[in-house]
Structures are given as structure tokens and as C-alpha cells.
Protein backbone atom coordinates (compact mmCIF):
# COMPACT_ATOMS: atom_id res chain seq x y z
CA UNK A 1 0.00 0.00 0.00
CA UNK A 2 1.36 3.41 -0.94
CA UNK A 3 2.40 6.00 1.60
CA UNK A 4 0.21 9.07 2.20
CA UNK A 5 0.90 12.59 3.41
CA UNK A 6 -1.29 14.05 6.16
CA UNK A 7 -2.32 17.63 6.88
CA UNK A 8 0.75 17.93 9.11
CA UNK A 9 2.76 18.53 5.91
CA UNK A 10 4.52 21.92 5.93
CA UNK A 11 5.52 21.71 2.24
CA UNK A 12 9.26 21.69 2.94
CA UNK A 13 9.94 19.37 -0.01
CA UNK A 14 12.42 17.10 1.78
CA UNK A 15 10.35 14.02 0.91
CA UNK A 16 10.20 14.83 -2.80
CA UNK A 17 13.95 15.33 -2.94
CA UNK A 18 14.59 11.88 -1.43
CA UNK A 19 11.99 9.80 -3.31
CA UNK A 20 13.89 7.35 -5.57
CA UNK A 21 11.04 7.06 -8.09
CA UNK A 22 9.83 10.71 -8.10
CA UNK A 23 6.38 9.72 -6.80
CA UNK A 24 6.01 12.91 -4.73
CA UNK A 25 4.98 16.26 -6.14
CA UNK A 26 3.78 19.60 -4.84
CA UNK A 27 0.00 19.75 -4.60
CA UNK A 28 -2.28 22.73 -4.02
CA UNK A 29 -1.85 22.95 -0.25
CA UNK A 30 0.76 20.25 0.50
CA UNK A 31 2.87 17.59 -1.16
CA UNK A 32 1.13 14.48 -2.52
CA UNK A 33 2.25 10.93 -3.32
CA UNK A 34 1.23 9.22 -6.55
CA UNK A 35 0.07 5.80 -5.32
CA UNK A 36 0.66 4.18 -8.71
CA UNK A 37 4.32 5.26 -8.75
CA UNK A 38 5.13 4.72 -5.06
CA UNK A 39 7.22 1.60 -4.40
CA UNK A 40 6.56 1.55 -0.62
CA UNK A 41 10.22 1.99 0.30
CA UNK A 42 9.55 4.33 3.25
CA UNK A 43 12.35 6.75 2.44
CA UNK A 44 9.92 9.68 2.45
CA UNK A 45 8.53 8.81 5.88
CA UNK A 46 12.03 8.59 7.34
CA UNK A 47 12.92 11.97 5.85
CA UNK A 48 9.81 13.95 6.87
CA UNK A 49 10.66 16.36 9.73
CA UNK A 50 7.02 16.61 10.89
CA UNK A 51 6.13 12.92 10.68
CA UNK A 52 3.37 13.72 8.18
CA UNK A 53 3.97 10.61 6.05
CA UNK A 54 2.67 7.16 6.90
CA UNK A 55 1.61 3.96 5.20
CA UNK A 56 -1.82 4.46 3.68
């Protein structure tokens, strides 16, 4: 199951920079993860300074 980003996202972009498959992009109010591209590696969750990313 792909990872998801919660409302705790502060749009810092650290997750997008670390994603090995470029599944994360800037959305309207926060970053979003493309579930079809996500490979469930967890790198984004480990990188997020606010803990806004979790398994969906």
C-alpha cells in the first residue's frame, strides 16, 4: 500500500527530494504521493521532519 501525506505537511519538499522514483509532487496545499508510482520503500517517511507521512 502506498504512503500518504497528512495535513501535518509543511511543504518543505524534503520528501520529494529523497523519493527514488519521483512519486512525490507539490499539490495545491501540501505535497502528494502518486500511489501508482510509489514503491513503498519508506524513504519519504524517514525523511519527513514533521512525521506527516505514513503507510496508507
